[in-house]
N, C-alpha and C. Protein backbone atom coordinates (compact mmCIF):
# COMPACT_ATOMS: atom_id res chain seq x y z
N CYS A 1 -7.15 3.68 -2.17
CA CYS A 1 -7.35 4.71 -1.27
C CYS A 1 -8.09 4.85 -0.45
N GLY A 2 -7.82 6.12 0.45
CA GLY A 2 -8.52 5.93 1.91
C GLY A 2 -8.83 7.50 1.77
N ALA A 3 -8.05 7.86 2.56
CA ALA A 3 -8.72 9.68 2.96
C ALA A 3 -7.79 10.66 1.62
N GLY A 4 -6.25 9.83 1.27
CA GLY A 4 -6.01 10.68 0.67
C GLY A 4 -4.48 11.55 0.85
N GLY A 5 -4.49 10.83 1.98
CA GLY A 5 -3.10 11.17 3.13
C GLY A 5 -1.94 11.86 2.08
N ALA A 6 -1.90 10.18 1.38
CA ALA A 6 -0.40 9.93 0.89
C ALA A 6 -0.67 10.62 -1.00
N SER A 7 -2.30 11.17 -1.98
CA SER A 7 -2.24 11.50 -2.63
C SER A 7 -2.16 13.25 -1.99
N THR A 8 -2.87 13.18 -0.95
CA THR A 8 -2.01 14.82 -0.82
C THR A 8 -0.44 15.17 -1.00
N ALA A 9 0.48 14.08 -0.06
CA ALA A 9 1.65 14.01 -0.29
C ALA A 9 2.18 14.31 -1.52
N LEU A 10 1.84 13.59 -2.21
CA LEU A 10 2.72 12.72 -3.59
C LEU A 10 2.31 14.00 -5.07
N ARG A 11 0.65 14.83 -4.71
CA ARG A 11 0.50 16.32 -5.01
C ARG A 11 1.36 17.53 -5.09
N ARG A 12 1.58 17.07 -3.61
CA ARG A 12 2.80 18.89 -3.07
C ARG A 12 3.89 18.49 -3.41
N ALA A 13 4.40 16.92 -3.37
CA ALA A 13 5.93 16.60 -3.92
C ALA A 13 5.86 17.05 -5.88
N CYS A 14 5.17 16.70 -6.26
CA CYS A 14 4.92 17.50 -7.96
C CYS A 14 4.90 18.21 -7.82
N GLU A 15 3.70 19.48 -7.45
CA GLU A 15 3.84 20.20 -7.54
C GLU A 15 5.12 21.42 -6.93
N ARG A 16 5.97 20.65 -5.97
CA ARG A 16 7.56 21.60 -6.02
C ARG A 16 8.65 20.90 -6.84
N LEU A 17 8.15 19.69 -8.12
CA LEU A 17 9.66 19.89 -8.18
C LEU A 17 8.85 20.20 -9.78
N GLY A 18 7.76 20.20 -10.35
CA GLY A 18 7.06 21.03 -11.60
C GLY A 18 6.70 20.04 -12.57
N LEU A 19 6.06 18.89 -11.64
CA LEU A 19 5.71 17.81 -12.28
C LEU A 19 4.57 17.66 -12.09
N LYS A 20 4.23 16.82 -13.57
CA LYS A 20 2.88 16.80 -14.17
C LYS A 20 2.02 15.22 -13.16
N LEU A 21 0.71 15.12 -12.12
CA LEU A 21 0.87 14.64 -11.58
C LEU A 21 -1.13 13.38 -12.05
N GLU A 22 -0.80 12.36 -12.94
CA GLU A 22 -1.89 12.54 -13.26
C GLU A 22 -2.11 10.79 -12.03
N THR A 23 -3.72 10.45 -11.90
CA THR A 23 -4.12 9.70 -10.14
C THR A 23 -5.04 8.99 -10.73
N VAL A 24 -4.34 7.43 -10.24
CA VAL A 24 -5.56 7.14 -10.72
C VAL A 24 -5.96 6.22 -8.80
N ALA A 25 -7.17 6.22 -8.29
CA ALA A 25 -7.52 5.52 -7.36
C ALA A 25 -8.25 4.51 -6.72
N ILE A 26 -7.92 3.92 -6.32
CA ILE A 26 -9.19 2.59 -5.96
C ILE A 26 -8.77 1.58 -4.84
N ASN A 27 -10.03 1.60 -4.30
CA ASN A 27 -10.49 1.19 -2.66
C ASN A 27 -12.09 0.69 -3.62
N HIS A 28 -12.32 -0.44 -2.21
CA HIS A 28 -13.94 -1.49 -2.20
C HIS A 28 -14.46 -0.84 -2.10
N TRP A 29 -14.18 0.16 -0.83
CA TRP A 29 -14.96 1.11 0.10
C TRP A 29 -15.85 2.04 -0.17
N PRO A 30 -17.46 1.99 -0.98
CA PRO A 30 -17.70 3.57 -1.83
C PRO A 30 -17.01 4.42 -0.09
N THR A 31 -17.21 4.31 0.74
CA THR A 31 -16.66 5.77 1.96
C THR A 31 -15.31 5.79 1.14
N ALA A 32 -14.65 5.03 1.40
CA ALA A 32 -13.24 5.74 0.94
C ALA A 32 -13.48 6.52 -0.49
N ILE A 33 -13.87 6.40 -1.11
CA ILE A 33 -14.42 7.01 -2.66
C ILE A 33 -15.00 8.63 -2.92
N GLU A 34 -15.63 8.09 -1.68
CA GLU A 34 -16.49 9.25 -1.52
C GLU A 34 -15.27 10.32 -1.16
N THR A 35 -14.47 9.76 -0.19
CA THR A 35 -13.70 11.20 0.65
C THR A 35 -12.61 11.53 -0.17
N HIS A 36 -11.53 9.86 -0.67
CA HIS A 36 -11.13 10.73 -1.28
C HIS A 36 -10.69 11.47 -2.26
N THR A 37 -12.63 11.17 -3.46
CA THR A 37 -12.79 12.81 -4.20
C THR A 37 -13.48 14.35 -3.67
N LEU A 38 -13.35 13.61 -2.61
CA LEU A 38 -14.18 14.90 -1.50
C LEU A 38 -12.47 16.13 -1.35
N ASN A 39 -11.67 15.25 -1.26
CA ASN A 39 -10.21 15.70 -0.92
C ASN A 39 -9.33 16.09 -2.30
N HIS A 40 -9.85 15.07 -3.30
CA HIS A 40 -9.19 15.12 -4.45
C HIS A 40 -10.00 14.66 -6.19
N PRO A 41 -10.67 15.85 -6.35
CA PRO A 41 -11.54 15.96 -6.94
C PRO A 41 -11.28 15.53 -8.86
N GLY A 42 -9.41 15.84 -8.77
CA GLY A 42 -9.62 15.59 -9.75
C GLY A 42 -8.58 14.47 -10.59
N VAL A 43 -8.56 13.16 -10.01
CA VAL A 43 -8.75 12.27 -9.29
C VAL A 43 -9.17 11.18 -10.24
N ARG A 44 -8.91 10.08 -10.75
CA ARG A 44 -9.45 9.65 -11.61
C ARG A 44 -10.43 7.89 -10.39
N HIS A 45 -11.09 7.36 -10.32
CA HIS A 45 -11.70 6.93 -8.81
C HIS A 45 -12.25 5.99 -9.88
N ILE A 46 -11.58 4.53 -8.95
CA ILE A 46 -12.20 3.27 -9.38
C ILE A 46 -12.77 2.44 -7.99
N CYS A 47 -14.19 2.48 -7.88
CA CYS A 47 -14.64 1.77 -6.42
C CYS A 47 -14.83 0.19 -6.93
N ALA A 48 -13.69 -0.29 -7.08
CA ALA A 48 -13.97 -1.84 -6.80
C ALA A 48 -12.82 -2.43 -5.59
N SER A 49 -12.38 -3.74 -5.27
CA SER A 49 -11.20 -4.55 -4.93
C SER A 49 -10.41 -4.43 -5.81
N VAL A 50 -9.64 -4.13 -5.19
CA VAL A 50 -7.76 -3.99 -5.93
C VAL A 50 -7.51 -5.03 -7.01
N GLU A 51 -7.77 -6.47 -6.44
CA GLU A 51 -7.86 -8.23 -7.21
C GLU A 51 -9.01 -8.19 -8.06
N SER A 52 -10.20 -7.40 -8.49
CA SER A 52 -10.40 -7.35 -9.74
C SER A 52 -10.20 -6.36 -10.75
N VAL A 53 -9.45 -5.46 -10.73
CA VAL A 53 -9.29 -4.73 -11.06
C VAL A 53 -7.97 -5.42 -12.21
N ASP A 54 -8.59 -5.04 -13.31
CA ASP A 54 -7.54 -4.82 -14.33
C ASP A 54 -6.26 -4.22 -14.63
N PRO A 55 -5.37 -4.18 -13.97
CA PRO A 55 -3.81 -2.83 -14.12
C PRO A 55 -3.48 -2.32 -15.20
N ARG A 56 -4.09 -3.26 -16.98
CA ARG A 56 -3.75 -2.36 -17.74
C ARG A 56 -6.07 -1.83 -18.31
N GLN A 57 -6.28 -2.19 -18.02
CA GLN A 57 -7.51 -1.57 -17.48
C GLN A 57 -7.57 0.15 -16.85
N ALA A 58 -6.85 -0.12 -15.86
CA ALA A 58 -6.54 1.82 -14.90
C ALA A 58 -5.99 1.92 -15.72
N VAL A 59 -4.80 1.75 -16.21
CA VAL A 59 -3.35 2.18 -16.64
C VAL A 59 -2.75 2.07 -18.33
N PRO A 60 -4.10 2.36 -19.32
CA PRO A 60 -4.26 2.44 -20.53
C PRO A 60 -2.93 2.34 -21.25
N SER A 61 -1.64 2.99 -20.98
CA SER A 61 -0.76 3.39 -21.28
C SER A 61 0.54 2.35 -20.95
N GLY A 62 0.14 1.43 -19.97
CA GLY A 62 1.03 0.47 -19.77
C GLY A 62 2.40 0.67 -18.75
N ARG A 63 2.65 2.06 -18.55
CA ARG A 63 3.25 2.84 -17.73
C ARG A 63 2.98 3.39 -16.64
N LEU A 64 3.72 3.50 -15.54
CA LEU A 64 3.22 4.31 -13.97
C LEU A 64 4.83 4.67 -13.86
N GLN A 65 5.18 6.14 -13.33
CA GLN A 65 6.15 5.76 -13.15
C GLN A 65 6.28 5.58 -11.82
N LEU A 66 5.59 5.91 -10.59
CA LEU A 66 4.63 5.40 -9.78
C LEU A 66 3.72 5.27 -8.83
N LEU A 67 3.45 3.44 -8.40
CA LEU A 67 2.55 2.77 -8.10
C LEU A 67 2.70 2.98 -6.54
N LEU A 68 1.91 4.02 -5.55
CA LEU A 68 1.91 3.90 -4.84
C LEU A 68 0.75 2.85 -4.14
N ALA A 69 1.56 2.11 -3.21
CA ALA A 69 0.12 1.59 -2.68
C ALA A 69 0.60 0.80 -0.67
N GLY A 70 -0.77 0.93 -0.59
CA GLY A 70 -1.40 0.95 1.30
C GLY A 70 -1.98 0.23 1.06
N PRO A 71 -1.61 -1.73 1.26
CA PRO A 71 -2.80 -2.85 1.10
C PRO A 71 -2.93 -2.83 2.80
N GLU A 72 -3.91 -3.41 3.07
CA GLU A 72 -4.97 -3.68 4.18
C GLU A 72 -3.52 -3.83 4.86
N CYS A 73 -4.00 -2.66 6.05
CA CYS A 73 -3.03 -2.61 7.63
C CYS A 73 -3.71 -3.63 9.24
N THR A 74 -5.24 -2.95 8.42
CA THR A 74 -6.00 -3.74 9.96
C THR A 74 -5.39 -5.13 10.49
N HIS A 75 -5.33 -5.92 9.52
CA HIS A 75 -5.08 -7.46 10.58
C HIS A 75 -3.02 -7.76 10.21
N HIS A 76 -2.83 -5.94 10.16
CA HIS A 76 -1.57 -6.86 10.83
C HIS A 76 -0.97 -5.76 12.09
N SER A 77 -2.34 -4.73 12.08
CA SER A 77 -1.88 -3.69 12.91
C SER A 77 -2.28 -4.10 14.65
N SER A 78 -1.18 -3.76 15.99
CA SER A 78 -1.52 -3.76 17.23
C SER A 78 -2.69 -3.06 17.77
N ALA A 79 -3.01 -2.21 16.56
CA ALA A 79 -4.32 -1.58 17.23
C ALA A 79 -5.42 -1.67 17.41
N ARG A 80 -5.77 -3.40 15.95
CA ARG A 80 -6.68 -3.60 16.15
C ARG A 80 -6.86 -4.80 16.78
N GLY A 81 -6.30 -4.53 18.02
CA GLY A 81 -6.40 -5.21 19.89
C GLY A 81 -6.62 -6.75 19.02
N GLY A 82 -7.21 -7.44 19.87
CA GLY A 82 -6.94 -9.19 20.49
C GLY A 82 -8.79 -9.72 19.77
N ARG A 83 -9.14 -8.62 18.99
CA ARG A 83 -10.01 -8.89 17.64
C ARG A 83 -9.02 -9.98 16.46
N PRO A 84 -9.97 -11.68 16.47
CA PRO A 84 -10.15 -12.27 14.91
C PRO A 84 -8.98 -11.61 14.18
N ILE A 85 -8.06 -12.13 13.53
CA ILE A 85 -7.59 -11.94 12.46
C ILE A 85 -7.69 -12.47 10.89
N ASN A 86 -7.77 -11.94 9.79
CA ASN A 86 -8.56 -12.71 8.66
C ASN A 86 -7.54 -12.87 8.15
N ASP A 87 -6.96 -13.88 7.71
CA ASP A 87 -5.65 -14.22 6.70
C ASP A 87 -6.06 -13.66 4.95
N GLN A 88 -7.19 -13.76 4.22
CA GLN A 88 -7.33 -13.28 3.33
C GLN A 88 -6.85 -11.35 3.16
N SER A 89 -7.95 -10.78 4.19
CA SER A 89 -7.16 -9.26 4.75
C SER A 89 -6.07 -9.08 4.46
N ARG A 90 -5.21 -10.90 5.48
CA ARG A 90 -3.28 -10.21 4.67
C ARG A 90 -2.91 -10.05 4.08
N THR A 91 -3.48 -10.86 3.21
CA THR A 91 -2.58 -11.16 1.38
C THR A 91 -2.76 -9.66 0.59
N SER A 92 -3.52 -8.50 0.18
CA SER A 92 -3.64 -8.02 -0.44
C SER A 92 -2.16 -6.89 -1.12
N ALA A 93 -0.99 -7.27 -0.31
CA ALA A 93 -0.27 -7.04 -0.36
C ALA A 93 0.33 -7.65 -1.97
N TRP A 94 0.07 -9.09 -2.01
CA TRP A 94 0.32 -10.23 -3.27
C TRP A 94 -0.19 -9.37 -4.69
N HIS A 95 -0.99 -8.49 -4.11
CA HIS A 95 -1.57 -8.11 -5.24
C HIS A 95 -0.75 -6.36 -6.12
N ILE A 96 0.16 -6.53 -5.08
CA ILE A 96 1.08 -5.89 -6.10
C ILE A 96 1.81 -6.10 -6.62
N LEU A 97 2.26 -7.43 -6.42
CA LEU A 97 2.94 -8.34 -7.97
C LEU A 97 2.39 -8.27 -9.26
N ARG A 98 1.19 -8.39 -8.85
CA ARG A 98 0.69 -8.50 -10.68
C ARG A 98 0.33 -7.20 -11.34
N TRP A 99 0.71 -5.64 -10.53
CA TRP A 99 0.50 -4.46 -10.44
C TRP A 99 1.86 -4.42 -11.09
N LEU A 100 3.45 -5.18 -10.78
CA LEU A 100 4.16 -4.95 -11.74
C LEU A 100 4.88 -5.79 -12.51
N GLU A 101 4.45 -6.77 -13.14
CA GLU A 101 4.02 -7.70 -13.59
C GLU A 101 3.70 -7.39 -15.41
N LEU A 102 2.36 -6.91 -14.77
CA LEU A 102 1.22 -6.48 -16.30
C LEU A 102 1.80 -4.74 -16.57
N LEU A 103 2.39 -4.53 -15.32
CA LEU A 103 2.78 -2.49 -16.41
C LEU A 103 4.49 -2.01 -16.28
N ARG A 104 4.07 -0.86 -17.14
CA ARG A 104 5.68 -0.92 -16.49
C ARG A 104 5.62 0.10 -15.20
N VAL A 105 7.00 0.08 -14.40
CA VAL A 105 6.18 0.88 -12.81
C VAL A 105 7.79 0.82 -13.22
N ASP A 106 7.52 2.34 -12.67
CA ASP A 106 9.31 2.94 -12.62
C ASP A 106 10.19 2.30 -11.19
N ASN A 107 8.76 2.85 -10.31
CA ASN A 107 9.42 3.50 -8.84
C ASN A 107 7.98 2.61 -8.46
N VAL A 108 8.15 2.02 -7.10
CA VAL A 108 7.28 1.52 -6.54
C VAL A 108 7.54 1.55 -4.66
N LEU A 109 6.33 2.39 -4.37
CA LEU A 109 6.64 3.18 -2.67
C LEU A 109 4.86 2.13 -2.01
N ILE A 110 5.38 1.60 -0.77
CA ILE A 110 4.37 0.70 -0.87
C ILE A 110 4.51 1.37 1.41
N GLU A 111 3.29 1.43 1.60
CA GLU A 111 2.97 2.11 2.79
C GLU A 111 2.55 1.09 3.68
N ASN A 112 3.12 1.23 4.86
CA ASN A 112 2.30 0.30 6.10
C ASN A 112 2.90 0.62 7.95
N VAL A 113 1.83 -0.19 8.20
CA VAL A 113 2.39 -0.15 10.40
C VAL A 113 3.23 -0.89 9.99
N PRO A 114 3.80 -0.32 10.86
CA PRO A 114 5.38 -1.20 11.52
C PRO A 114 5.18 -2.59 11.53
N GLU A 115 3.91 -3.16 12.00
CA GLU A 115 3.84 -4.60 11.99
C GLU A 115 3.68 -5.28 11.05
N PHE A 116 3.75 -4.61 9.98
CA PHE A 116 3.42 -5.52 8.72
C PHE A 116 5.02 -6.17 8.67
N GLN A 117 6.24 -5.66 9.30
CA GLN A 117 7.28 -6.47 8.87
C GLN A 117 7.12 -8.00 9.51
N THR A 118 6.07 -7.99 10.16
CA THR A 118 6.06 -9.67 11.36
C THR A 118 5.24 -10.47 10.47
N TRP A 119 4.77 -10.33 9.59
CA TRP A 119 3.99 -10.94 8.59
C TRP A 119 4.38 -12.36 7.80
N GLY A 120 3.76 -13.54 8.42
CA GLY A 120 4.32 -14.77 9.12
C GLY A 120 3.29 -15.92 8.86
N PRO A 121 2.76 -16.90 8.95
CA PRO A 121 1.54 -18.00 8.20
C PRO A 121 1.01 -17.97 9.47
N LEU A 122 0.30 -17.95 10.13
CA LEU A 122 -1.62 -18.07 10.88
C LEU A 122 -1.35 -19.59 11.59
N GLY A 123 -1.52 -20.06 12.73
CA GLY A 123 -2.08 -21.65 13.15
C GLY A 123 -2.99 -21.44 12.81
N ALA A 124 -3.39 -22.70 13.60
CA ALA A 124 -4.74 -23.61 13.65
C ALA A 124 -5.89 -22.79 14.06
N ASN A 125 -5.24 -21.76 15.26
CA ASN A 125 -5.86 -21.10 16.29
C ASN A 125 -6.28 -19.42 15.56
N GLY A 126 -5.53 -19.32 14.52
CA GLY A 126 -5.66 -18.03 13.34
C GLY A 126 -4.62 -16.89 14.22
N ARG A 127 -3.97 -17.64 14.60
CA ARG A 127 -2.67 -16.61 15.11
C ARG A 127 -1.64 -16.63 14.56
N PRO A 128 -1.25 -15.80 14.09
CA PRO A 128 0.38 -15.61 13.87
C PRO A 128 0.92 -16.88 14.29
N LEU A 129 1.76 -17.30 13.79
CA LEU A 129 2.85 -18.69 14.20
C LEU A 129 4.29 -17.59 15.13
N LYS A 130 4.72 -17.06 15.55
CA LYS A 130 5.53 -16.80 16.27
C LYS A 130 7.29 -16.76 16.41
N ARG A 131 7.63 -18.40 16.32
CA ARG A 131 8.59 -19.29 15.52
C ARG A 131 8.52 -18.37 13.95
N ARG A 132 7.38 -18.27 12.87
CA ARG A 132 8.04 -18.19 11.96
C ARG A 132 7.50 -16.47 11.62
N LYS A 133 7.65 -15.51 12.41
CA LYS A 133 7.37 -14.05 12.73
C LYS A 133 8.27 -13.96 11.02
N GLY A 134 7.42 -12.93 10.42
CA GLY A 134 8.65 -12.03 9.39
C GLY A 134 8.33 -13.35 7.85
N GLU A 135 8.28 -14.63 8.14
CA GLU A 135 8.91 -15.28 6.76
C GLU A 135 7.85 -15.13 6.19
N THR A 136 6.18 -14.73 5.84
CA THR A 136 5.88 -13.89 4.68
C THR A 136 6.33 -12.42 4.18
N TYR A 137 6.59 -11.60 5.47
CA TYR A 137 6.94 -10.76 4.51
C TYR A 137 8.51 -10.30 4.00
N ARG A 138 9.53 -11.36 4.27
CA ARG A 138 10.24 -11.49 3.49
C ARG A 138 9.75 -11.98 2.36
N ALA A 139 9.10 -13.08 2.24
CA ALA A 139 9.46 -13.48 1.05
C ALA A 139 8.43 -12.53 0.08
N PHE A 140 8.08 -11.53 0.33
CA PHE A 140 6.62 -11.14 -0.05
C PHE A 140 8.28 -9.52 -0.88
N LEU A 141 8.40 -9.08 -0.03
CA LEU A 141 10.22 -8.20 -0.66
C LEU A 141 10.80 -9.60 -0.97
N ALA A 142 11.58 -10.29 -1.86
CA ALA A 142 12.19 -11.22 -2.36
C ALA A 142 11.82 -10.89 -3.60
N ALA A 143 10.26 -11.41 -3.44
CA ALA A 143 9.43 -11.38 -4.89
C ALA A 143 9.54 -10.37 -5.28
N VAL A 144 9.68 -9.07 -4.88
CA VAL A 144 9.66 -7.75 -5.57
C VAL A 144 10.99 -7.75 -6.63
N GLU A 145 12.17 -8.47 -5.62
CA GLU A 145 13.24 -7.76 -5.74
C GLU A 145 13.52 -8.90 -7.02
N SER A 146 12.68 -10.27 -7.37
CA SER A 146 12.52 -11.04 -8.14
C SER A 146 12.07 -10.52 -9.52
N LEU A 147 11.49 -9.32 -9.51
CA LEU A 147 11.15 -8.38 -10.30
C LEU A 147 12.03 -7.62 -10.91
N GLY A 148 12.78 -7.82 -10.41
CA GLY A 148 13.52 -6.26 -10.62
C GLY A 148 14.39 -5.09 -9.97
N TYR A 149 13.88 -5.50 -9.24
CA TYR A 149 13.41 -4.00 -8.01
C TYR A 149 14.47 -4.48 -6.59
N ARG A 150 14.95 -2.96 -6.60
CA ARG A 150 16.06 -3.02 -5.38
C ARG A 150 15.50 -2.91 -4.50
N VAL A 151 15.13 -3.19 -2.59
CA VAL A 151 14.49 -2.97 -2.02
C VAL A 151 15.11 -2.44 -0.91
N GLU A 152 14.33 -1.62 -0.31
CA GLU A 152 14.74 -0.98 0.66
C GLU A 152 13.29 -0.41 1.41
N ALA A 153 13.29 -1.11 3.28
CA ALA A 153 12.44 -0.88 3.76
C ALA A 153 13.45 0.33 4.94
N ARG A 154 11.90 1.30 6.03
CA ARG A 154 12.93 1.89 7.12
C ARG A 154 11.57 2.18 7.58
N VAL A 155 11.20 2.21 9.16
CA VAL A 155 10.06 2.87 9.54
C VAL A 155 10.60 4.42 10.00
N LEU A 156 9.42 5.14 9.96
CA LEU A 156 9.34 7.03 9.37
C LEU A 156 8.39 6.74 10.97
N ASN A 157 8.70 8.22 10.98
CA ASN A 157 7.25 8.85 12.71
C ASN A 157 7.75 10.47 11.63
N ALA A 158 6.29 9.84 11.26
CA ALA A 158 5.49 11.27 10.86
C ALA A 158 5.78 12.39 11.29
N ALA A 159 5.58 12.89 12.66
CA ALA A 159 6.43 13.55 13.70
C ALA A 159 8.37 14.37 12.96
N ASP A 160 8.77 13.32 12.56
CA ASP A 160 9.95 14.75 12.34
C ASP A 160 9.75 15.24 10.48
N TYR A 161 8.69 14.60 10.49
CA TYR A 161 9.06 15.52 8.38
C TYR A 161 7.60 16.34 8.70
N GLY A 162 6.93 16.78 9.64
CA GLY A 162 6.71 18.58 10.39
C GLY A 162 5.10 17.67 9.84
N ASP A 163 4.60 16.71 10.37
CA ASP A 163 3.25 15.94 10.56
C ASP A 163 3.22 15.96 11.97
N PRO A 164 1.72 16.94 12.51
CA PRO A 164 1.52 16.55 14.53
C PRO A 164 1.00 15.67 14.90
N THR A 165 1.60 14.62 14.66
CA THR A 165 1.36 13.29 14.79
C THR A 165 2.80 12.24 15.31
N THR A 166 2.58 11.52 16.07
CA THR A 166 3.79 10.56 16.37
C THR A 166 3.31 8.81 15.50
N ARG A 167 2.61 9.19 14.79
CA ARG A 167 2.49 8.13 13.78
C ARG A 167 4.07 7.13 13.38
N LYS A 168 3.80 6.20 13.94
CA LYS A 168 5.15 5.63 12.97
C LYS A 168 4.60 4.98 11.45
N ARG A 169 5.22 5.14 10.08
CA ARG A 169 4.67 4.03 8.89
C ARG A 169 5.66 3.18 8.87
N LEU A 170 5.54 1.89 8.09
CA LEU A 170 6.61 1.15 6.89
C LEU A 170 6.46 1.75 6.04
N PHE A 171 7.65 2.28 5.53
CA PHE A 171 7.97 2.44 3.95
C PHE A 171 8.70 1.86 3.53
N ILE A 172 8.36 1.25 2.28
CA ILE A 172 8.84 0.32 1.42
C ILE A 172 8.80 0.96 0.05
N GLN A 173 10.58 1.01 -0.07
CA GLN A 173 10.24 1.21 -2.08
C GLN A 173 11.39 0.84 -2.87
């Protein structure tokens, strides 16, 4: 979780549909947890790295109707400028597979920057290998499909949905 924009959207959608929403929000950064808690006081928060959280303990019922995930985007985004890329930070999306394997998840929604689609291996210089652009992204989608999910991905512009920004985001469901 971050500040909770996706959580707000999910809450509003559930309210419109008359659905009960029970949310668990995870982030390793205490500031993100504090901010999300202020914006969403009724949510159960876990301040830990997602890889250290056992999905079966976070969701004791073993079932999720929706897994909403926002893997770290900093090292995929063009907004980071020329700063070095941290390959370890680029791997957080793979942790979603563990949740899908250990829990019964009906639906998955993953949000990230559009550049996530170019996710591929890094060269010795720490920069993406242009000839292998998108290779890891495609492997990730194939891994999700291998668990029985039908995958669809598209880039959406927030302004097209009533938000006062032209921020574009990749959504994978």
